Every structure is written in C-alpha cells, then in structure tokens.
C-alpha cells in the first residue's frame, strides 16, 4: 500500500510546485511595467528553482519507498533572471536616462502566458495522476473487503 501513498505524495509535491510556479508567473506579469523598485532599477523576472526530493533521481526506486525522504519535487528557491532590461525610448518618462531611454523589466508577457499554460497543464496532469492513484487504492480496498 505504501507505493500507492507514495504516488499520491509525488503528485502532491508536483501540485505544490506548480502552484508556486503559477504565483511567480502571475507576479512577473503584474510587474511587467514596473520601472522602479525598492532596490532601484526595473523589476527583474523571477523564476522558481525545483529539485528532486529523492537521493537517486528515480521516483520509484526501492530505496526511496522505505526512505524517510519523500520522492517528488520541491521548490528550493526563486531566482532572478539576469538578462538585460528592455530599453525603450521615452524621454518624457520620469525614469528616463540622460539619453531618453527607460529600463523596463526583462519580462516578456507572451512568454509568461505560454509558461502559465504549461504550468496549468502540468497541474492538471498531477491532479489526474493523484485521482488515478486514489481510485486504485479504493479498488484495492474493495477487493480486500470482498475476500
């Protein structure tokens, strides 16, 4: 039975990771035009960093089923994209430099929307996998009850 529960744990970790990813994407889109932050300069695109939670990078290794470290994925941090900001000529903008260019965030809204769609699909896939595992557990319990 622990294999079934392990698969639910893996799907659960995926759901959590994709939720964090969706929050980061939403934050990027919301700040796509912020030219001045508390740290100075434009907002910088953020990206979540994921890591496998098991020791062998194999989700269903026999060592992992009995290991105290659960399999799956975890969010280990959020990093900033170090690519250059977008430079837009707008001499009337209050944040324009001496040449009339404004540094806008390195956020590409189209890219963020594509990432949001893939994130949503990954979330749905994890929900489907979790529901399948749950249904298998229920079927196994039904078979056990009939015996």
C-alpha atoms as a PDB file:
ATOM      1  CA  UNK A   1       0.000   0.000   0.000  1.00  0.00           C
ATOM      2  CA  UNK A   2       2.909   2.388   0.583  1.00  0.00           C
ATOM      3  CA  UNK A   3       3.531   2.515  -3.189  1.00  0.00           C
ATOM      4  CA  UNK A   4       0.064   3.975  -3.715  1.00  0.00           C
ATOM      5  CA  UNK A   5       0.578   6.524  -0.977  1.00  0.00           C
ATOM      6  CA  UNK A   6       3.988   7.393  -2.396  1.00  0.00           C
ATOM      7  CA  UNK A   7       2.408   8.150  -5.782  1.00  0.00           C
ATOM      8  CA  UNK A   8      -0.078  10.492  -4.084  1.00  0.00           C
ATOM      9  CA  UNK A   9       2.825  12.190  -2.293  1.00  0.00           C
ATOM     10  CA  UNK A  10       4.663  12.660  -5.589  1.00  0.00           C
ATOM     11  CA  UNK A  11       1.580  14.183  -7.237  1.00  0.00           C
ATOM     12  CA  UNK A  12       1.027  16.384  -4.192  1.00  0.00           C
ATOM     13  CA  UNK A  13       4.563  17.739  -4.413  1.00  0.00           C
ATOM     14  CA  UNK A  14       4.006  18.439  -8.109  1.00  0.00           C
ATOM     15  CA  UNK A  15       0.803  20.333  -7.324  1.00  0.00           C
ATOM     16  CA  UNK A  16       2.606  22.453  -4.747  1.00  0.00           C
ATOM     17  CA  UNK A  17       5.498  23.178  -7.117  1.00  0.00           C
ATOM     18  CA  UNK A  18       3.169  24.178  -9.952  1.00  0.00           C
ATOM     19  CA  UNK A  19       1.184  26.428  -7.604  1.00  0.00           C
ATOM     20  CA  UNK A  20       4.400  28.243  -6.662  1.00  0.00           C
ATOM     21  CA  UNK A  21       5.338  28.450 -10.343  1.00  0.00           C
ATOM     22  CA  UNK A  22       1.927  29.951 -11.158  1.00  0.00           C
ATOM     23  CA  UNK A  23       2.340  32.518  -8.354  1.00  0.00           C
ATOM     24  CA  UNK A  24       5.762  33.539  -9.711  1.00  0.00           C
ATOM     25  CA  UNK A  25       4.412  33.831 -13.265  1.00  0.00           C
ATOM     26  CA  UNK A  26       1.495  35.957 -12.034  1.00  0.00           C
ATOM     27  CA  UNK A  27       3.915  38.186 -10.149  1.00  0.00           C
ATOM     28  CA  UNK A  28       6.043  38.589 -13.285  1.00  0.00           C
ATOM     29  CA  UNK A  29       3.025  39.601 -15.372  1.00  0.00           C
ATOM     30  CA  UNK A  30       1.795  42.012 -12.701  1.00  0.00           C
ATOM     31  CA  UNK A  31       5.193  43.742 -12.617  1.00  0.00           C
ATOM     32  CA  UNK A  32       5.869  43.736 -16.368  1.00  0.00           C
ATOM     33  CA  UNK A  33       5.880  47.557 -16.499  1.00  0.00           C
ATOM     34  CA  UNK A  34       7.457  48.438 -13.142  1.00  0.00           C
ATOM     35  CA  UNK A  35      10.440  50.639 -13.927  1.00  0.00           C
ATOM     36  CA  UNK A  36      11.432  51.487 -10.360  1.00  0.00           C
ATOM     37  CA  UNK A  37      11.625  49.039  -7.448  1.00  0.00           C
ATOM     38  CA  UNK A  38      12.696  49.488  -3.826  1.00  0.00           C
ATOM     39  CA  UNK A  39      16.178  48.264  -4.811  1.00  0.00           C
ATOM     40  CA  UNK A  40      16.367  50.726  -7.690  1.00  0.00           C
ATOM     41  CA  UNK A  41      16.048  49.898 -11.353  1.00  0.00           C
ATOM     42  CA  UNK A  42      13.338  47.928 -13.093  1.00  0.00           C
ATOM     43  CA  UNK A  43      11.655  44.787 -11.796  1.00  0.00           C
ATOM     44  CA  UNK A  44      13.579  41.620 -12.681  1.00  0.00           C
ATOM     45  CA  UNK A  45      11.805  38.499 -13.924  1.00  0.00           C
ATOM     46  CA  UNK A  46      11.710  35.765 -11.304  1.00  0.00           C
ATOM     47  CA  UNK A  47      11.925  32.006 -11.831  1.00  0.00           C
ATOM     48  CA  UNK A  48      11.305  29.158  -9.371  1.00  0.00           C
ATOM     49  CA  UNK A  49      14.040  26.565  -8.907  1.00  0.00           C
ATOM     50  CA  UNK A  50      12.891  22.960  -8.479  1.00  0.00           C
ATOM     51  CA  UNK A  51      14.785  19.989  -7.151  1.00  0.00           C
ATOM     52  CA  UNK A  52      14.012  16.294  -6.929  1.00  0.00           C
ATOM     53  CA  UNK A  53      13.371  15.317  -3.327  1.00  0.00           C
ATOM     54  CA  UNK A  54      14.874  11.824  -3.560  1.00  0.00           C
ATOM     55  CA  UNK A  55      18.508  10.759  -3.370  1.00  0.00           C
ATOM     56  CA  UNK A  56      18.737   8.725  -6.588  1.00  0.00           C
ATOM     57  CA  UNK A  57      16.762  10.894  -9.016  1.00  0.00           C
ATOM     58  CA  UNK A  58      14.432   7.916  -9.528  1.00  0.00           C
ATOM     59  CA  UNK A  59      10.889   8.277  -8.304  1.00  0.00           C
ATOM     60  CA  UNK A  60      10.125   4.615  -7.718  1.00  0.00           C
ATOM     61  CA  UNK A  61      13.418   3.131  -6.508  1.00  0.00           C
ATOM     62  CA  UNK A  62      13.033   0.502  -3.794  1.00  0.00           C
ATOM     63  CA  UNK A  63      15.374   2.521  -1.587  1.00  0.00           C
ATOM     64  CA  UNK A  64      13.114   5.520  -1.907  1.00  0.00           C
ATOM     65  CA  UNK A  65       9.917   3.744  -0.848  1.00  0.00           C
ATOM     66  CA  UNK A  66      11.429   2.923   2.526  1.00  0.00           C
ATOM     67  CA  UNK A  67      13.449   6.127   2.810  1.00  0.00           C
ATOM     68  CA  UNK A  68      12.331   8.916   5.120  1.00  0.00           C
ATOM     69  CA  UNK A  69      12.910  11.486   2.357  1.00  0.00           C
ATOM     70  CA  UNK A  70       9.768  11.509   0.210  1.00  0.00           C
ATOM     71  CA  UNK A  71      10.003  11.276  -3.572  1.00  0.00           C
ATOM     72  CA  UNK A  72       8.768  14.117  -5.706  1.00  0.00           C
ATOM     73  CA  UNK A  73       9.803  17.686  -6.311  1.00  0.00           C
ATOM     74  CA  UNK A  74      10.339  20.657  -4.049  1.00  0.00           C
ATOM     75  CA  UNK A  75      10.858  24.350  -4.603  1.00  0.00           C
ATOM     76  CA  UNK A  76      14.340  25.218  -3.363  1.00  0.00           C
ATOM     77  CA  UNK A  77      14.247  28.906  -4.210  1.00  0.00           C
ATOM     78  CA  UNK A  78      13.260  31.691  -6.523  1.00  0.00           C
ATOM     79  CA  UNK A  79      15.952  33.335  -8.618  1.00  0.00           C
ATOM     80  CA  UNK A  80      16.040  36.492 -10.674  1.00  0.00           C
ATOM     81  CA  UNK A  81      16.636  36.406 -14.414  1.00  0.00           C
ATOM     82  CA  UNK A  82      19.885  38.287 -15.034  1.00  0.00           C
ATOM     83  CA  UNK A  83      19.142  39.163 -18.661  1.00  0.00           C
ATOM     84  CA  UNK A  84      19.274  42.814 -19.652  1.00  0.00           C
ATOM     85  CA  UNK A  85      16.216  45.018 -19.210  1.00  0.00           C
ATOM     86  CA  UNK A  86      14.244  46.227 -22.219  1.00  0.00           C
ATOM     87  CA  UNK A  87      15.331  49.705 -23.245  1.00  0.00           C
ATOM     88  CA  UNK A  88      12.501  51.863 -24.584  1.00  0.00           C
ATOM     89  CA  UNK A  89      12.950  55.396 -25.886  1.00  0.00           C
ATOM     90  CA  UNK A  90      10.615  57.636 -23.896  1.00  0.00           C
ATOM     91  CA  UNK A  91      12.316  60.899 -22.899  1.00  0.00           C
ATOM     92  CA  UNK A  92       9.157  62.154 -21.130  1.00  0.00           C
ATOM     93  CA  UNK A  93       9.141  59.229 -18.681  1.00  0.00           C
ATOM     94  CA  UNK A  94      10.311  60.162 -15.163  1.00  0.00           C
ATOM     95  CA  UNK A  95      12.737  57.188 -15.119  1.00  0.00           C
ATOM     96  CA  UNK A  96      14.351  58.013 -18.479  1.00  0.00           C
ATOM     97  CA  UNK A  97      18.139  58.167 -18.508  1.00  0.00           C
ATOM     98  CA  UNK A  98      20.142  61.071 -19.951  1.00  0.00           C
ATOM     99  CA  UNK A  99      19.701  59.652 -23.465  1.00  0.00           C
ATOM    100  CA  UNK A 100      15.913  59.379 -23.079  1.00  0.00           C
ATOM    101  CA  UNK A 101      15.751  55.583 -22.654  1.00  0.00           C
ATOM    102  CA  UNK A 102      13.747  53.863 -19.927  1.00  0.00           C
ATOM    103  CA  UNK A 103      14.788  50.488 -18.493  1.00  0.00           C
ATOM    104  CA  UNK A 104      11.738  48.244 -18.452  1.00  0.00           C
ATOM    105  CA  UNK A 105      11.600  44.805 -16.798  1.00  0.00           C
ATOM    106  CA  UNK A 106      13.024  41.820 -18.656  1.00  0.00           C
ATOM    107  CA  UNK A 107       9.540  40.267 -18.628  1.00  0.00           C
ATOM    108  CA  UNK A 108       8.097  39.034 -21.917  1.00  0.00           C
ATOM    109  CA  UNK A 109       4.349  38.780 -21.308  1.00  0.00           C
ATOM    110  CA  UNK A 110       3.843  36.343 -24.209  1.00  0.00           C
ATOM    111  CA  UNK A 111       6.482  34.007 -22.765  1.00  0.00           C
ATOM    112  CA  UNK A 112       4.877  34.284 -19.336  1.00  0.00           C
ATOM    113  CA  UNK A 113       1.472  33.391 -20.784  1.00  0.00           C
ATOM    114  CA  UNK A 114       2.938  30.316 -22.517  1.00  0.00           C
ATOM    115  CA  UNK A 115       4.588  29.348 -19.225  1.00  0.00           C
ATOM    116  CA  UNK A 116       1.250  29.846 -17.472  1.00  0.00           C
ATOM    117  CA  UNK A 117      -0.489  27.488 -19.913  1.00  0.00           C
ATOM    118  CA  UNK A 118       2.184  24.795 -19.485  1.00  0.00           C
ATOM    119  CA  UNK A 119       2.015  25.267 -15.723  1.00  0.00           C
ATOM    120  CA  UNK A 120      -1.752  24.842 -15.805  1.00  0.00           C
ATOM    121  CA  UNK A 121      -1.431  21.668 -17.892  1.00  0.00           C
ATOM    122  CA  UNK A 122       1.186  20.232 -15.519  1.00  0.00           C
ATOM    123  CA  UNK A 123      -1.108  20.991 -12.584  1.00  0.00           C
ATOM    124  CA  UNK A 124      -3.985  19.199 -14.342  1.00  0.00           C
ATOM    125  CA  UNK A 125      -1.729  16.202 -15.072  1.00  0.00           C
ATOM    126  CA  UNK A 126      -0.804  15.948 -11.390  1.00  0.00           C
ATOM    127  CA  UNK A 127      -4.462  16.116 -10.383  1.00  0.00           C
ATOM    128  CA  UNK A 128      -5.251  13.322 -12.866  1.00  0.00           C
ATOM    129  CA  UNK A 129      -2.384  11.184 -11.561  1.00  0.00           C
ATOM    130  CA  UNK A 130      -3.498  11.749  -7.964  1.00  0.00           C
ATOM    131  CA  UNK A 131      -7.094  10.832  -8.781  1.00  0.00           C
ATOM    132  CA  UNK A 132      -5.932   7.685 -10.590  1.00  0.00           C
ATOM    133  CA  UNK A 133      -3.889   6.618  -7.556  1.00  0.00           C
ATOM    134  CA  UNK A 134      -6.830   7.347  -5.282  1.00  0.00           C
ATOM    135  CA  UNK A 135      -9.129   5.240  -7.478  1.00  0.00           C
ATOM    136  CA  UNK A 136      -6.617   2.371  -7.461  1.00  0.00           C
ATOM    137  CA  UNK A 137      -6.468   2.498  -3.661  1.00  0.00           C
ATOM    138  CA  UNK A 138     -10.267   2.403  -3.460  1.00  0.00           C
ATOM    139  CA  UNK A 139     -10.406  -0.561  -5.865  1.00  0.00           C
ATOM    140  CA  UNK A 140      -7.769  -2.414  -3.844  1.00  0.00           C
ATOM    141  CA  UNK A 141      -9.757  -1.812  -0.660  1.00  0.00           C
ATOM    142  CA  UNK A 142     -12.933  -3.085  -2.376  1.00  0.00           C
ATOM    143  CA  UNK A 143     -11.125  -6.248  -3.494  1.00  0.00           C
ATOM    144  CA  UNK A 144      -9.768  -6.736   0.037  1.00  0.00           C
ATOM    145  CA  UNK A 145     -13.227  -6.301   1.544  1.00  0.00           C
ATOM    146  CA  UNK A 146     -14.737  -8.959  -0.763  1.00  0.00           C
ATOM    147  CA  UNK A 147     -12.099 -11.556   0.152  1.00  0.00           C
END
